[in-house]
Amino acid sequence: MAQAVRWNNPLSYLNSDGRRHPVENSFATVTLVLGVIAVVCAWWQGLHVLGSVVGLAGVLTGAWGQYISATTGERFVTIIGLGAAGAGFYINMMHGGFLI
């Protein structure tokens, strides 16, 4: 029962191969955060400019993060963030996009 008393690192899901991937983990985390911000901005029509910029940034970081990802956990987090950023981007574009 050694695994019961062992402390689990929160990044162990992202680093499932046992090696550290700080750049890949950063891209996955940033993509997820940008996706959440884009979706939250999509709820208010007045935040369409910010949501469009953040959504586009999330799509670009997600695409690059997917390209350089090393583990399945990183790919999973990146795809969730990429989907949220894409949906938020498109909804914010519908509300007015980059125009003030």
C-alpha atoms as a PDB file:
ATOM      1  CA  MET A   1       0.000   0.000   0.000  1.00  0.00           C
ATOM      2  CA  ALA A   2       2.867   2.364  -0.696  1.00  0.00           C
ATOM      3  CA  GLN A   3       0.748   4.164  -3.268  1.00  0.00           C
ATOM      4  CA  ALA A   4      -1.790   5.086  -0.580  1.00  0.00           C
ATOM      5  CA  VAL A   5       0.676   7.244   1.353  1.00  0.00           C
ATOM      6  CA  ARG A   6       2.507   8.658  -1.643  1.00  0.00           C
ATOM      7  CA  TRP A   7       1.783  12.296  -2.467  1.00  0.00           C
ATOM      8  CA  ASN A   8       0.440  12.693  -5.988  1.00  0.00           C
ATOM      9  CA  ASN A   9       1.715  15.603  -7.992  1.00  0.00           C
ATOM     10  CA  PRO A  10      -1.162  17.550  -9.606  1.00  0.00           C
ATOM     11  CA  LEU A  11       0.779  17.598 -12.882  1.00  0.00           C
ATOM     12  CA  SER A  12       1.194  13.827 -12.900  1.00  0.00           C
ATOM     13  CA  TYR A  13      -1.771  13.609 -15.268  1.00  0.00           C
ATOM     14  CA  LEU A  14      -0.048  15.863 -17.773  1.00  0.00           C
ATOM     15  CA  ASN A  15       3.350  14.196 -17.270  1.00  0.00           C
ATOM     16  CA  SER A  16       2.141  10.631 -17.584  1.00  0.00           C
ATOM     17  CA  ASP A  17       5.406   9.447 -19.127  1.00  0.00           C
ATOM     18  CA  GLY A  18       7.373  10.354 -15.988  1.00  0.00           C
ATOM     19  CA  ARG A  19       9.287  13.242 -17.554  1.00  0.00           C
ATOM     20  CA  ARG A  20       8.733  16.948 -17.111  1.00  0.00           C
ATOM     21  CA  HIS A  21       7.299  18.960 -20.002  1.00  0.00           C
ATOM     22  CA  PRO A  22       7.131  22.580 -18.781  1.00  0.00           C
ATOM     23  CA  VAL A  23       6.597  24.174 -22.205  1.00  0.00           C
ATOM     24  CA  GLU A  24       3.933  21.711 -23.296  1.00  0.00           C
ATOM     25  CA  ASN A  25       2.145  21.928 -19.942  1.00  0.00           C
ATOM     26  CA  SER A  26       2.214  25.720 -20.154  1.00  0.00           C
ATOM     27  CA  PHE A  27       0.643  25.703 -23.602  1.00  0.00           C
ATOM     28  CA  ALA A  28      -2.073  23.295 -22.444  1.00  0.00           C
ATOM     29  CA  THR A  29      -2.852  25.387 -19.358  1.00  0.00           C
ATOM     30  CA  VAL A  30      -2.829  28.717 -21.204  1.00  0.00           C
ATOM     31  CA  THR A  31      -5.104  27.301 -23.907  1.00  0.00           C
ATOM     32  CA  LEU A  32      -7.568  26.084 -21.297  1.00  0.00           C
ATOM     33  CA  VAL A  33      -7.582  29.433 -19.467  1.00  0.00           C
ATOM     34  CA  LEU A  34      -7.999  31.421 -22.698  1.00  0.00           C
ATOM     35  CA  GLY A  35     -10.839  29.128 -23.752  1.00  0.00           C
ATOM     36  CA  VAL A  36     -12.668  29.667 -20.472  1.00  0.00           C
ATOM     37  CA  ILE A  37     -12.219  33.451 -20.744  1.00  0.00           C
ATOM     38  CA  ALA A  38     -13.517  33.436 -24.344  1.00  0.00           C
ATOM     39  CA  VAL A  39     -16.609  31.455 -23.353  1.00  0.00           C
ATOM     40  CA  VAL A  40     -17.289  33.726 -20.381  1.00  0.00           C
ATOM     41  CA  CYS A  41     -16.937  36.819 -22.602  1.00  0.00           C
ATOM     42  CA  ALA A  42     -19.439  35.280 -25.032  1.00  0.00           C
ATOM     43  CA  TRP A  43     -22.186  35.576 -22.406  1.00  0.00           C
ATOM     44  CA  TRP A  44     -22.059  39.393 -22.537  1.00  0.00           C
ATOM     45  CA  GLN A  45     -22.360  41.137 -25.889  1.00  0.00           C
ATOM     46  CA  GLY A  46     -20.365  44.125 -24.641  1.00  0.00           C
ATOM     47  CA  LEU A  47     -17.235  42.006 -24.240  1.00  0.00           C
ATOM     48  CA  HIS A  48     -17.136  40.791 -27.846  1.00  0.00           C
ATOM     49  CA  VAL A  49     -13.861  42.535 -28.681  1.00  0.00           C
ATOM     50  CA  LEU A  50     -12.020  41.046 -25.712  1.00  0.00           C
ATOM     51  CA  GLY A  51     -13.635  37.664 -26.302  1.00  0.00           C
ATOM     52  CA  SER A  52     -12.672  37.661 -29.975  1.00  0.00           C
ATOM     53  CA  VAL A  53      -9.036  38.506 -29.261  1.00  0.00           C
ATOM     54  CA  VAL A  54      -8.786  35.991 -26.419  1.00  0.00           C
ATOM     55  CA  GLY A  55     -10.577  33.313 -28.460  1.00  0.00           C
ATOM     56  CA  LEU A  56      -8.256  33.790 -31.423  1.00  0.00           C
ATOM     57  CA  ALA A  57      -5.228  33.670 -29.112  1.00  0.00           C
ATOM     58  CA  GLY A  58      -6.626  30.484 -27.555  1.00  0.00           C
ATOM     59  CA  VAL A  59      -7.079  28.854 -30.955  1.00  0.00           C
ATOM     60  CA  LEU A  60      -3.522  29.728 -31.980  1.00  0.00           C
ATOM     61  CA  THR A  61      -1.928  28.578 -28.716  1.00  0.00           C
ATOM     62  CA  GLY A  62      -4.063  25.448 -28.798  1.00  0.00           C
ATOM     63  CA  ALA A  63      -2.964  24.603 -32.315  1.00  0.00           C
ATOM     64  CA  TRP A  64       0.696  25.021 -31.413  1.00  0.00           C
ATOM     65  CA  GLY A  65       0.225  23.180 -28.117  1.00  0.00           C
ATOM     66  CA  GLN A  66      -1.359  20.290 -29.969  1.00  0.00           C
ATOM     67  CA  TYR A  67       1.557  20.242 -32.388  1.00  0.00           C
ATOM     68  CA  ILE A  68       4.219  20.022 -29.664  1.00  0.00           C
ATOM     69  CA  SER A  69       2.332  17.934 -27.084  1.00  0.00           C
ATOM     70  CA  ALA A  70       4.109  14.883 -25.723  1.00  0.00           C
ATOM     71  CA  THR A  71       1.500  13.003 -23.663  1.00  0.00           C
ATOM     72  CA  THR A  72      -2.162  12.101 -23.906  1.00  0.00           C
ATOM     73  CA  GLY A  73      -3.014  14.222 -20.857  1.00  0.00           C
ATOM     74  CA  GLU A  74      -1.580  17.317 -22.499  1.00  0.00           C
ATOM     75  CA  ARG A  75      -3.524  16.602 -25.669  1.00  0.00           C
ATOM     76  CA  PHE A  76      -6.750  16.136 -23.709  1.00  0.00           C
ATOM     77  CA  VAL A  77      -6.419  19.450 -21.852  1.00  0.00           C
ATOM     78  CA  THR A  78      -5.384  21.229 -25.050  1.00  0.00           C
ATOM     79  CA  ILE A  79      -8.366  19.904 -27.015  1.00  0.00           C
ATOM     80  CA  ILE A  80     -10.825  20.942 -24.290  1.00  0.00           C
ATOM     81  CA  GLY A  81      -9.313  24.439 -24.238  1.00  0.00           C
ATOM     82  CA  LEU A  82      -9.156  24.570 -28.017  1.00  0.00           C
ATOM     83  CA  GLY A  83     -12.828  23.683 -28.333  1.00  0.00           C
ATOM     84  CA  ALA A  84     -13.826  26.279 -25.740  1.00  0.00           C
ATOM     85  CA  ALA A  85     -11.654  28.947 -27.381  1.00  0.00           C
ATOM     86  CA  GLY A  86     -13.086  28.158 -30.807  1.00  0.00           C
ATOM     87  CA  ALA A  87     -16.693  28.238 -29.599  1.00  0.00           C
ATOM     88  CA  GLY A  88     -16.084  31.450 -27.653  1.00  0.00           C
ATOM     89  CA  PHE A  89     -14.340  33.004 -30.646  1.00  0.00           C
ATOM     90  CA  TYR A  90     -17.192  32.217 -33.029  1.00  0.00           C
ATOM     91  CA  ILE A  91     -19.887  33.416 -30.642  1.00  0.00           C
ATOM     92  CA  ASN A  92     -17.985  36.636 -29.995  1.00  0.00           C
ATOM     93  CA  MET A  93     -17.550  37.121 -33.738  1.00  0.00           C
ATOM     94  CA  MET A  94     -21.313  36.764 -34.079  1.00  0.00           C
ATOM     95  CA  HIS A  95     -21.772  39.532 -31.504  1.00  0.00           C
ATOM     96  CA  GLY A  96     -19.579  41.970 -33.421  1.00  0.00           C
ATOM     97  CA  GLY A  97     -16.105  40.536 -33.485  1.00  0.00           C
ATOM     98  CA  PHE A  98     -13.121  42.844 -33.515  1.00  0.00           C
ATOM     99  CA  LEU A  99     -15.172  45.970 -34.281  1.00  0.00           C
ATOM    100  CA  ILE A 100     -15.900  48.303 -31.401  1.00  0.00           C
END
